[in-house]
Protein backbone atom coordinates (compact mmCIF):
# COMPACT_ATOMS: atom_id res chain seq x y z
CA MET A 1 10.56 60.44 27.06
CA ALA A 2 13.24 58.97 24.91
CA GLU A 3 13.87 56.43 27.53
CA LYS A 4 9.58 55.59 27.37
CA ASN A 5 9.79 55.13 23.33
CA ALA A 6 13.01 52.82 24.10
CA GLN A 7 11.34 50.44 26.58
CA SER A 8 8.22 50.76 24.07
CA VAL A 9 9.96 49.41 21.30
CA ASP A 10 11.52 46.86 23.16
CA ASP A 11 8.35 45.72 24.62
CA ALA A 12 6.64 45.44 20.92
CA ILE A 13 9.96 43.81 19.50
CA GLU A 14 9.28 41.03 22.46
CA GLN A 15 6.08 41.13 22.01
CA VAL A 16 6.26 40.45 18.40
CA ALA A 17 9.04 38.05 19.00
CA ASP A 18 6.78 35.84 21.41
CA GLN A 19 4.21 35.95 18.99
CA ALA A 20 6.36 34.92 16.18
CA GLU A 21 7.31 31.80 18.41
CA GLU A 22 3.96 31.19 19.55
CA GLY A 23 3.43 30.73 15.70
CA LEU A 24 5.93 28.84 14.95
CA GLU A 25 5.27 26.40 17.71
CA GLY A 26 1.79 26.06 15.30
CA VAL A 27 3.79 25.43 12.50
CA LYS A 28 5.57 22.86 14.39
CA GLU A 29 2.77 21.17 15.10
CA SER A 30 1.31 21.11 12.47
CA LEU A 31 4.32 19.60 10.67
CA THR A 32 4.51 16.94 13.07
CA LYS A 33 0.61 16.19 12.45
CA ALA A 34 1.52 15.99 8.87
CA GLN A 35 4.76 13.80 9.40
CA ARG A 36 2.42 11.07 11.94
CA SER A 37 -0.30 11.41 8.72
CA MET A 38 2.28 10.45 6.10
CA GLU A 39 3.82 7.36 7.84
CA SER A 40 -0.09 6.43 8.83
CA ALA A 41 -0.38 6.52 5.31
CA LYS A 42 2.82 4.97 4.12
CA THR A 43 2.14 1.86 6.75
CA ALA A 44 -1.91 1.56 5.31
CA ILE A 45 -0.17 1.09 1.70
CA GLN A 46 2.41 -0.85 2.73
CA GLU A 47 -0.36 -3.12 4.56
CA ALA A 48 -2.48 -3.02 1.48
CA ALA A 49 0.15 -4.04 -0.87
CA GLY A 50 1.37 -7.30 1.71
CA LYS A 51 -2.56 -8.25 1.05
CA THR A 52 -2.54 -7.64 -2.41
CA LYS A 53 0.53 -10.34 -2.37
CA GLU A 54 -0.95 -12.78 -0.24
CA THR A 55 -3.98 -12.71 -2.70
CA ALA A 56 -2.12 -12.94 -5.53
CA ALA A 57 -0.48 -15.86 -4.21
CA VAL A 58 -3.52 -17.39 -3.23
CA ALA A 59 -4.81 -16.94 -6.76
CA ALA A 60 -1.67 -18.21 -8.22
CA GLU A 61 -1.95 -21.25 -5.74
CA LYS A 62 -5.61 -21.64 -7.53
CA ALA A 63 -4.58 -21.19 -10.70
CA ARG A 64 -2.11 -23.84 -10.46
CA ALA A 65 -4.34 -26.51 -8.86
CA SER A 66 -7.00 -25.64 -11.51
CA LEU A 67 -4.16 -26.11 -14.33
CA ASP A 68 -2.87 -29.42 -12.98
CA GLU A 69 -6.76 -30.45 -12.76
CA ALA A 70 -6.79 -29.48 -16.54
CA ARG A 71 -3.75 -31.31 -17.23
CA LYS A 72 -4.86 -34.36 -15.81
CA ALA A 73 -8.41 -34.29 -17.63
CA LEU A 74 -6.29 -33.52 -20.78
CA GLY A 75 -4.44 -36.80 -19.88
CA GLU A 76 -7.17 -38.92 -19.32
CA ALA A 77 -9.11 -37.61 -22.44
CA ARG A 78 -5.90 -38.29 -24.65
CA LEU A 79 -6.07 -41.53 -23.00
CA LYS A 80 -9.52 -42.37 -24.34
CA ILE A 81 -9.02 -41.20 -27.62
CA CYS A 82 -6.30 -43.17 -28.18
CA GLY A 83 -8.69 -46.16 -26.96
CA MET A 84 -11.16 -45.14 -29.50
CA ALA A 85 -8.50 -45.17 -32.22
CA VAL A 86 -7.65 -48.28 -31.19
CA ILE A 87 -11.53 -50.09 -31.11
CA THR A 88 -11.89 -47.99 -34.67
CA ARG A 89 -9.07 -49.55 -36.10
CA ASP A 90 -9.84 -52.93 -34.90
CA GLN A 91 -13.21 -52.82 -36.45
CA ALA A 92 -11.96 -51.60 -39.63
């Protein structure tokens, strides 16, 4: 009887060990999926950041072009004002 109990205890231990191993495999698979998901998220964030920098660069270039146009327009306005001042002074 003791031998039979020892055998059933050994079987029970082996069964619990198998279940634990299966459970650990499931945990490992879940952790692997989580890691892949985190890597995908990180990649997506990095790609979005890259696009934001590109968008910012385009916006900065457009702003520079607009400032150049404004600078030219102000220069032309200054020349016209000076021209008007000369005419006004001549008339006085």
